[in-house]
């Protein structure tokens, strides 16, 4: 088997300690004789560059870890595109591997994804299974969100979720590798031909929905996404952003979450259908909130319906959308 050059991109924002632990988990993976791993760490203008640089030097990682300091915090997609561009500047990699700073690879995780792509040349993107910090399984991949999924998620009625499970976004996965719509961007390996065809993630997404959009554009271009459970990664969810932290009560979602959501639905379905989805989601969430109040459950996201409608494409001022902004490697 040929030696595989894997360029790992880690985007760090005010989480230098987590990033260093992530690099430590990668270090042992470099001993695989068929895999050559190099890492590009992008400090997304967080002020952690000095701490990261000192860690790279003190751990003697400078031969395989490159630190890139972003001129601004342009978001997750922007940071990953900077890292991918730097990887290509050194040499064209066999595969690109995106890894969250709050994730640590388990033994063989990187090689497993690379060898899966080697054995399945028709697959464009491959992702891992996850475990929590406590070692519990988190075996999920995802379906593309749409009208039905927004209604089901808003109403939050268990019987309906079970009856219409084929439309629920979060998809429990078995221990067998299988195709899926999209995977968590915390551990995502990408075939270079995907980037050559559609570019990287869209930088118009500051945070959230960027990997959903990326996998959708890849699928539309003929590159399917697969979930590969033999590759296992520990992911401390909610450490790089409080939005996904399930250990605390729900908080009001930031504006950029709704802006990303709006862009995804409009770019995927068009303005008309995106408006219909927003109105249906608002009504479903209102029903869900009444149900929670009746059962004295108050774990709803504060002001969700109000914020959703305020950011909806229903309003003319919310209908201006830039074309995809991304990095596309040279031919």
Foldseek 3Di string as FASTA:
>chain_A
DAAFEEEEEEEDAPCLVLLLQQVVLCVVVCPPPRYHYAYEYEDQQRPCQVVNVVSCVVVVVVVRYHYHYHPHLLADQVRVQVSQVVVVVVPDGQKYKYAYSQKHWDPPQVVQQVVVCVVPVLAFKEFEWEAEPVRHGDQWAFAQAAQVQLLCVQQVDVVVCVVPVVRHTIDHDDQAKDFHQFGDSNIMMGGLVLCQVPNTFFSVQRDPCRRNLSSNVSVVVRHTYMYHHVTYMYGHPCPRHVCGDPVDFAEADDLSHLLSVQVSCCVVPNQVRQLVSLVSSLVSNVNNVVVCVVVVHDSDYPCVSVSNVVLHSVDVVNPDDDDGDHDRDDD
